[in-house]
């Protein structure tokens, strides 16, 4: 693991199931670039920890554009 998003999830009070959902969502966006997955997961968790966004908002399904 290049970016330690597991520690960031713990700091933000995010459990393993929610973290797995976030990783899966991000991996769908970057299927061939694990470093981008890790970076985006970490940045999202940091935003949740700062309360810039809620995890439920991040995980909420988006309507097709």
Protein backbone atom coordinates (compact mmCIF):
# COMPACT_ATOMS: atom_id res chain seq x y z
CA UNK A 1 0.00 0.00 0.00
CA UNK A 2 1.46 3.32 -1.07
CA UNK A 3 -1.05 5.57 0.72
CA UNK A 4 -2.12 4.42 4.18
CA UNK A 5 -5.84 4.94 3.84
CA UNK A 6 -6.61 2.30 6.49
CA UNK A 7 -5.15 4.51 9.23
CA UNK A 8 -7.05 7.50 7.82
CA UNK A 9 -10.30 5.51 7.94
CA UNK A 10 -9.67 4.63 11.60
CA UNK A 11 -8.99 8.29 12.44
CA UNK A 12 -12.24 9.29 10.73
CA UNK A 13 -14.19 6.57 12.55
CA UNK A 14 -15.00 4.67 9.37
CA UNK A 15 -15.48 0.94 9.70
CA UNK A 16 -14.21 -1.82 7.42
CA UNK A 17 -17.49 -2.29 5.55
CA UNK A 18 -17.80 1.39 4.66
CA UNK A 19 -14.14 1.51 3.71
CA UNK A 20 -14.61 -1.50 1.44
CA UNK A 21 -17.55 0.27 -0.24
CA UNK A 22 -15.47 3.39 -0.79
CA UNK A 23 -12.56 1.39 -2.20
CA UNK A 24 -14.87 -0.53 -4.56
CA UNK A 25 -16.50 2.68 -5.76
CA UNK A 26 -13.11 4.29 -6.38
CA UNK A 27 -11.69 1.16 -8.00
CA UNK A 28 -14.59 1.22 -10.49
CA UNK A 29 -13.49 4.74 -11.44
CA UNK A 30 -9.80 3.78 -11.78
CA UNK A 31 -9.80 0.05 -12.66
CA UNK A 32 -6.22 -0.04 -13.94
CA UNK A 33 -4.44 2.29 -11.54
CA UNK A 34 -4.16 1.08 -7.95
CA UNK A 35 -2.10 4.10 -6.88
CA UNK A 36 -4.90 6.44 -8.02
CA UNK A 37 -7.40 4.31 -6.11
CA UNK A 38 -5.34 4.62 -2.94
CA UNK A 39 -4.77 8.35 -3.41
CA UNK A 40 -8.43 9.12 -4.05
CA UNK A 41 -9.59 6.96 -1.14
CA UNK A 42 -7.11 8.71 1.16
CA UNK A 43 -8.17 12.17 -0.01
CA UNK A 44 -11.84 11.29 0.41
CA UNK A 45 -11.23 10.02 3.93
CA UNK A 46 -9.33 13.19 4.80
CA UNK A 47 -12.27 15.27 3.53
CA UNK A 48 -14.64 13.19 5.68
CA UNK A 49 -12.37 13.63 8.68
CA UNK A 50 -12.34 17.43 8.13
CA UNK A 51 -16.13 17.26 7.73
CA UNK A 52 -15.97 18.80 4.27
CA UNK A 53 -18.27 15.98 3.11
CA UNK A 54 -20.09 13.09 4.74
CA UNK A 55 -19.27 9.52 3.87
CA UNK A 56 -22.95 8.85 3.20
CA UNK A 57 -22.89 11.59 0.56
CA UNK A 58 -19.83 10.04 -1.05
CA UNK A 59 -21.33 6.54 -1.07
CA UNK A 60 -24.79 7.67 -2.22
CA UNK A 61 -25.62 6.35 -5.69
CA UNK A 62 -25.52 9.04 -8.33
CA UNK A 63 -28.14 9.48 -11.00
CA UNK A 64 -27.00 8.69 -14.53
CA UNK A 65 -26.12 11.84 -16.42
